[in-house]
């Protein structure tokens, strides 16, 4: 992608060059670096190429991850990577903020969580939260993106363990059945974010993209299964994926509406219903 002539040699171009240096020093892919700073990979790419400018909050997170001075990134400090003291936080401060935000949303709901609550959970100040995420909308978007990345990584790990497509589908069903406390927290966050997606354009776009990827993952598994002969040849992969993911969402919502032993029974019933659906509609005879 060509950059705008006005961008070349500008302060924004200098900043982009320094960010590229930080990304290179991190020793990870550009996509992985974007994940670490809780940033849309396409926005990072556009900012580096000159078709978009970094926001102050994005540069703050990049400086935090790269352990460099934010002023150096902006060119307002001497031309050296003057490091600044950063609290030793696993994954860096931005990811800690997002993880704690997700935990608090799961426990209390998004609108009940205040910036002060997040700051307290992170043992830092509200100003530090706003330094990385100026507003609640940006923080919510970051929380959604982090949940998407975590869910995608867990799915990839489960699929890698499977011997064939039928086993892959069983793994996906197990992963989506909210049995453990962690799975229930993840689903609780998703339920809250679904409601926000109806009100927020940015979150709505993320929500749509996540579900497109999720359904495509299921459709790909079905296609492989047809090719392997473990699934019926007359199954439409996209239609099967749409139906199965809709069943997962509806049944999981019911599981989360109950607690205690009833929740365990509901999770068992959900798993049995999904397994029966796959057996009767997708598996080869």
Protein backbone atom coordinates (compact mmCIF):
# COMPACT_ATOMS: atom_id res chain seq x y z
CA UNK A 1 0.00 0.00 0.00
CA UNK A 2 1.42 3.37 -1.00
CA UNK A 3 1.62 6.11 1.60
CA UNK A 4 0.36 9.64 1.15
CA UNK A 5 3.12 12.00 -0.06
CA UNK A 6 2.20 14.39 2.78
CA UNK A 7 2.89 11.58 5.23
CA UNK A 8 6.49 11.02 4.13
CA UNK A 9 8.92 13.00 6.25
CA UNK A 10 6.17 14.21 8.58
CA UNK A 11 6.10 13.82 12.37
CA UNK A 12 3.46 11.10 11.89
CA UNK A 13 5.83 9.23 9.54
CA UNK A 14 8.63 9.52 12.12
CA UNK A 15 6.31 8.14 14.79
CA UNK A 16 5.30 5.25 12.53
CA UNK A 17 8.97 4.48 11.89
CA UNK A 18 9.67 4.36 15.62
CA UNK A 19 6.64 2.11 16.19
CA UNK A 20 7.96 -0.22 13.47
CA UNK A 21 11.23 -0.34 15.37
CA UNK A 22 9.42 -1.23 18.60
CA UNK A 23 7.43 -3.97 16.83
CA UNK A 24 10.63 -5.39 15.30
CA UNK A 25 12.38 -5.38 18.68
CA UNK A 26 9.44 -7.26 20.23
CA UNK A 27 10.37 -10.31 18.16
CA UNK A 28 6.76 -11.23 17.36
CA UNK A 29 4.50 -10.87 14.33
CA UNK A 30 2.68 -7.60 13.70
CA UNK A 31 -0.63 -9.36 14.40
CA UNK A 32 0.64 -10.70 17.72
CA UNK A 33 1.96 -7.27 18.68
CA UNK A 34 -1.47 -5.81 17.90
CA UNK A 35 -3.03 -8.42 20.18
CA UNK A 36 -0.66 -7.49 23.00
CA UNK A 37 -1.54 -3.80 22.78
CA UNK A 38 -5.24 -4.67 22.34
CA UNK A 39 -5.43 -3.00 18.93
CA UNK A 40 -7.19 -3.93 15.72
CA UNK A 41 -4.43 -5.45 13.52
CA UNK A 42 -5.79 -3.62 10.47
CA UNK A 43 -5.58 -0.27 12.32
CA UNK A 44 -1.97 -0.99 13.28
CA UNK A 45 -1.17 -1.85 9.68
CA UNK A 46 -2.85 1.29 8.32
CA UNK A 47 -1.12 3.49 10.89
CA UNK A 48 2.26 2.04 9.98
CA UNK A 49 1.62 2.54 6.27
CA UNK A 50 0.47 6.15 6.64
CA UNK A 51 -3.24 5.83 5.84
CA UNK A 52 -4.21 6.33 9.47
CA UNK A 53 -2.70 8.14 12.47
CA UNK A 54 -2.09 6.51 15.83
CA UNK A 55 -4.21 7.79 18.69
CA UNK A 56 -2.51 8.96 21.88
CA UNK A 57 -3.94 5.98 23.79
CA UNK A 58 -2.62 3.51 21.19
CA UNK A 59 0.85 5.05 21.44
CA UNK A 60 0.64 4.81 25.23
CA UNK A 61 -0.09 1.09 25.00
CA UNK A 62 2.65 0.58 22.40
CA UNK A 63 5.14 2.40 24.64
CA UNK A 64 4.06 0.27 27.59
CA UNK A 65 4.47 -2.99 25.65
CA UNK A 66 7.79 -1.91 24.12
CA UNK A 67 9.08 -0.53 27.42
CA UNK A 68 9.95 2.77 25.76
CA UNK A 69 9.17 6.37 26.54
CA UNK A 70 5.94 7.59 24.92
CA UNK A 71 7.62 10.94 24.31
CA UNK A 72 10.29 9.18 22.25
CA UNK A 73 7.58 7.62 20.06
CA UNK A 74 6.05 11.05 19.48
CA UNK A 75 9.43 12.68 18.86
CA UNK A 76 9.10 15.07 21.78
CA UNK A 77 11.99 13.51 23.68
CA UNK A 78 15.64 12.95 22.69
CA UNK A 79 16.23 10.50 19.79
CA UNK A 80 16.85 7.51 21.97
CA UNK A 81 14.74 4.75 23.40
CA UNK A 82 14.67 6.20 26.89
CA UNK A 83 12.94 3.56 28.92
CA UNK A 84 10.65 4.60 31.69
CA UNK A 85 9.78 2.61 34.82
CA UNK A 86 6.88 0.28 34.13
CA UNK A 87 5.25 -1.83 36.79
CA UNK A 88 6.09 -5.52 36.44
CA UNK A 89 2.68 -6.73 35.33
CA UNK A 90 2.20 -10.04 33.55
CA UNK A 91 1.42 -9.28 29.91
CA UNK A 92 1.85 -5.53 30.46
CA UNK A 93 -0.45 -2.92 31.95
CA UNK A 94 -2.92 -2.66 29.01
CA UNK A 95 -3.65 -6.40 29.04
CA UNK A 96 -3.97 -6.37 32.82
CA UNK A 97 -6.56 -3.58 32.54
CA UNK A 98 -8.51 -5.49 29.91
CA UNK A 99 -8.37 -8.81 31.80
CA UNK A 100 -9.63 -7.17 34.99
CA UNK A 101 -12.34 -5.34 33.03
CA UNK A 102 -13.54 -8.65 31.58
CA UNK A 103 -13.55 -10.25 35.04
CA UNK A 104 -15.54 -7.39 36.55
CA UNK A 105 -18.01 -7.37 33.65
CA UNK A 106 -18.58 -11.11 34.18
CA UNK A 107 -19.23 -10.56 37.88
CA UNK A 108 -21.23 -7.33 37.83
CA UNK A 109 -22.23 -6.43 34.28
CA UNK A 110 -20.63 -3.77 32.09
CA UNK A 111 -22.72 -0.80 33.25
CA UNK A 112 -22.10 -1.59 36.90
CA UNK A 113 -18.31 -1.48 36.46
CA UNK A 114 -16.67 1.88 37.12
CA UNK A 115 -13.20 2.99 36.06
CA UNK A 116 -12.40 3.30 39.77
CA UNK A 117 -13.29 -0.40 40.21
CA UNK A 118 -10.93 -1.37 37.40
CA UNK A 119 -8.16 0.83 38.82
CA UNK A 120 -8.59 -0.77 42.24
CA UNK A 121 -8.42 -4.26 40.74
CA UNK A 122 -5.23 -3.30 38.90
CA UNK A 123 -3.72 -1.60 41.96
CA UNK A 124 -3.29 1.61 39.99
CA UNK A 125 -5.06 4.95 39.52
CA UNK A 126 -8.04 5.94 37.41
CA UNK A 127 -5.70 8.29 35.56
CA UNK A 128 -3.57 5.30 34.55
CA UNK A 129 -6.65 3.56 33.16
CA UNK A 130 -7.60 6.66 31.13
CA UNK A 131 -3.99 6.95 29.93
CA UNK A 132 -4.36 3.63 28.10
CA UNK A 133 -8.12 3.72 27.40
CA UNK A 134 -9.54 7.28 27.44
CA UNK A 135 -13.22 6.28 27.45
CA UNK A 136 -15.55 3.43 28.40
CA UNK A 137 -16.37 2.81 24.72
CA UNK A 138 -12.72 2.20 23.87
CA UNK A 139 -12.28 0.01 26.93
CA UNK A 140 -15.36 -2.04 26.00
CA UNK A 141 -14.08 -2.47 22.45
CA UNK A 142 -10.73 -3.65 23.81
CA UNK A 143 -12.49 -6.11 26.14
CA UNK A 144 -14.49 -7.53 23.22
CA UNK A 145 -11.36 -7.87 21.11
CA UNK A 146 -9.49 -9.63 23.93
CA UNK A 147 -12.36 -12.08 24.46
CA UNK A 148 -12.42 -12.79 20.72
CA UNK A 149 -8.68 -13.45 20.64
CA UNK A 150 -8.81 -15.71 23.70
CA UNK A 151 -11.74 -17.69 22.34
CA UNK A 152 -10.06 -18.09 18.95
CA UNK A 153 -6.82 -19.29 20.57
CA UNK A 154 -8.67 -21.85 22.71
CA UNK A 155 -10.53 -23.16 19.67
CA UNK A 156 -7.31 -23.51 17.67
CA UNK A 157 -5.67 -25.44 20.52
CA UNK A 158 -8.63 -27.82 20.83
CA UNK A 159 -8.80 -28.45 17.08
CA UNK A 160 -5.08 -29.24 17.01
CA UNK A 161 -5.68 -32.09 19.47
CA UNK A 162 -8.32 -33.81 17.31
CA UNK A 163 -7.67 -36.80 15.03
CA UNK A 164 -10.45 -36.09 12.53
CA UNK A 165 -13.28 -33.64 11.85
CA UNK A 166 -15.75 -35.55 14.01
CA UNK A 167 -13.36 -35.23 16.96
CA UNK A 168 -12.85 -31.54 16.12
CA UNK A 169 -16.59 -30.92 16.31
CA UNK A 170 -16.80 -32.75 19.65
CA UNK A 171 -13.98 -30.55 20.95
CA UNK A 172 -15.78 -27.38 19.84
CA UNK A 173 -18.99 -28.52 21.55
CA UNK A 174 -17.11 -29.24 24.78
CA UNK A 175 -15.37 -25.86 24.61
CA UNK A 176 -18.67 -24.01 24.18
CA UNK A 177 -20.51 -25.87 26.97
CA UNK A 178 -20.25 -23.68 30.11
CA UNK A 179 -19.25 -26.22 32.75
CA UNK A 180 -16.26 -24.62 34.50
CA UNK A 181 -16.22 -21.30 36.36
CA UNK A 182 -13.98 -19.84 33.63
CA UNK A 183 -16.37 -20.95 30.86
CA UNK A 184 -19.34 -19.48 32.72
CA UNK A 185 -17.49 -16.17 33.19
CA UNK A 186 -16.66 -16.06 29.49
CA UNK A 187 -20.28 -16.69 28.55
CA UNK A 188 -21.49 -14.11 31.08
CA UNK A 189 -19.27 -11.52 29.40
CA UNK A 190 -20.56 -12.48 25.96
CA UNK A 191 -24.18 -12.12 27.06
CA UNK A 192 -23.44 -8.63 28.36
CA UNK A 193 -21.55 -7.70 25.22
CA UNK A 194 -24.36 -8.91 22.97
CA UNK A 195 -26.62 -6.30 24.53
CA UNK A 196 -23.93 -3.64 24.03
CA UNK A 197 -23.47 -4.71 20.41
CA UNK A 198 -27.08 -3.67 19.74
CA UNK A 199 -26.26 -0.14 20.93
CA UNK A 200 -22.64 0.37 19.85
CA UNK A 201 -21.60 0.47 16.19
CA UNK A 202 -17.97 -0.34 17.00
CA UNK A 203 -18.84 -3.28 19.25
CA UNK A 204 -21.52 -4.38 16.79
CA UNK A 205 -18.93 -4.59 14.01
CA UNK A 206 -16.63 -6.66 16.24
CA UNK A 207 -19.55 -8.87 17.25
CA UNK A 208 -20.46 -9.50 13.60
CA UNK A 209 -16.86 -10.25 12.66
CA UNK A 210 -16.45 -12.65 15.57
CA UNK A 211 -19.54 -14.59 14.63
CA UNK A 212 -18.50 -14.67 10.99
CA UNK A 213 -15.19 -16.24 12.03
CA UNK A 214 -16.87 -18.62 14.49
CA UNK A 215 -19.40 -19.87 11.94
CA UNK A 216 -16.69 -20.20 9.31
CA UNK A 217 -14.62 -22.30 11.74
CA UNK A 218 -17.55 -24.69 12.18
CA UNK A 219 -18.25 -24.72 8.43
CA UNK A 220 -14.59 -25.56 7.72
CA UNK A 221 -14.75 -28.47 10.16
CA UNK A 222 -17.90 -29.76 8.44
CA UNK A 223 -16.23 -29.46 5.02
CA UNK A 224 -13.24 -31.45 6.26
CA UNK A 225 -15.56 -34.06 7.72
CA UNK A 226 -17.37 -34.47 4.42
CA UNK A 227 -14.02 -34.89 2.67
CA UNK A 228 -12.93 -37.46 5.26
CA UNK A 229 -16.18 -39.37 4.93
CA UNK A 230 -17.11 -38.94 8.61
CA UNK A 231 -19.93 -36.47 7.82
CA UNK A 232 -22.82 -36.88 5.41
CA UNK A 233 -22.09 -35.85 1.84
CA UNK A 234 -25.41 -34.03 1.45
CA UNK A 235 -24.80 -31.62 4.36
CA UNK A 236 -24.51 -27.91 3.52
CA UNK A 237 -21.50 -26.74 5.64
CA UNK A 238 -22.69 -23.13 5.98
CA UNK A 239 -26.26 -24.07 6.88
CA UNK A 240 -25.01 -26.68 9.35
CA UNK A 241 -22.70 -24.11 10.96
CA UNK A 242 -25.47 -21.51 11.24
CA UNK A 243 -27.83 -24.00 12.89
CA UNK A 244 -25.24 -25.44 15.27
CA UNK A 245 -23.90 -22.06 16.45
CA UNK A 246 -27.47 -20.82 17.01
CA UNK A 247 -28.20 -23.91 19.11
CA UNK A 248 -25.01 -23.35 21.10
CA UNK A 249 -26.01 -19.74 21.87
CA UNK A 250 -29.57 -20.57 22.89
CA UNK A 251 -28.67 -23.55 25.06
CA UNK A 252 -25.76 -21.75 26.74
CA UNK A 253 -28.05 -18.84 27.63
CA UNK A 254 -30.33 -21.31 29.40
CA UNK A 255 -27.40 -22.90 31.28
CA UNK A 256 -26.30 -19.49 32.56
CA UNK A 257 -29.80 -18.73 33.82
CA UNK A 258 -29.50 -21.41 36.53
CA UNK A 259 -26.94 -22.06 39.26
CA UNK A 260 -25.67 -24.77 41.59
CA UNK A 261 -26.44 -28.44 40.81
CA UNK A 262 -29.10 -27.29 38.34
CA UNK A 263 -26.37 -25.59 36.28
CA UNK A 264 -24.40 -28.83 36.08
CA UNK A 265 -27.52 -30.69 34.95
CA UNK A 266 -28.29 -27.96 32.40
CA UNK A 267 -24.73 -28.15 31.03
CA UNK A 268 -25.06 -31.94 30.71
CA UNK A 269 -28.37 -31.49 28.90
CA UNK A 270 -26.85 -28.87 26.58
CA UNK A 271 -23.94 -31.14 25.70
CA UNK A 272 -26.28 -34.10 25.11
CA UNK A 273 -28.60 -32.02 22.90
CA UNK A 274 -25.74 -30.70 20.77
CA UNK A 275 -24.21 -34.16 20.44
CA UNK A 276 -27.57 -35.64 19.44
CA UNK A 277 -28.07 -32.88 16.86
CA UNK A 278 -24.68 -33.58 15.28
CA UNK A 279 -25.30 -37.34 15.33
CA UNK A 280 -28.71 -37.08 13.62
CA UNK A 281 -27.99 -34.32 11.11
CA UNK A 282 -24.25 -34.29 10.29
CA UNK A 283 -22.51 -37.57 11.11
CA UNK A 284 -22.33 -40.17 8.39
CA UNK A 285 -24.35 -43.34 9.05
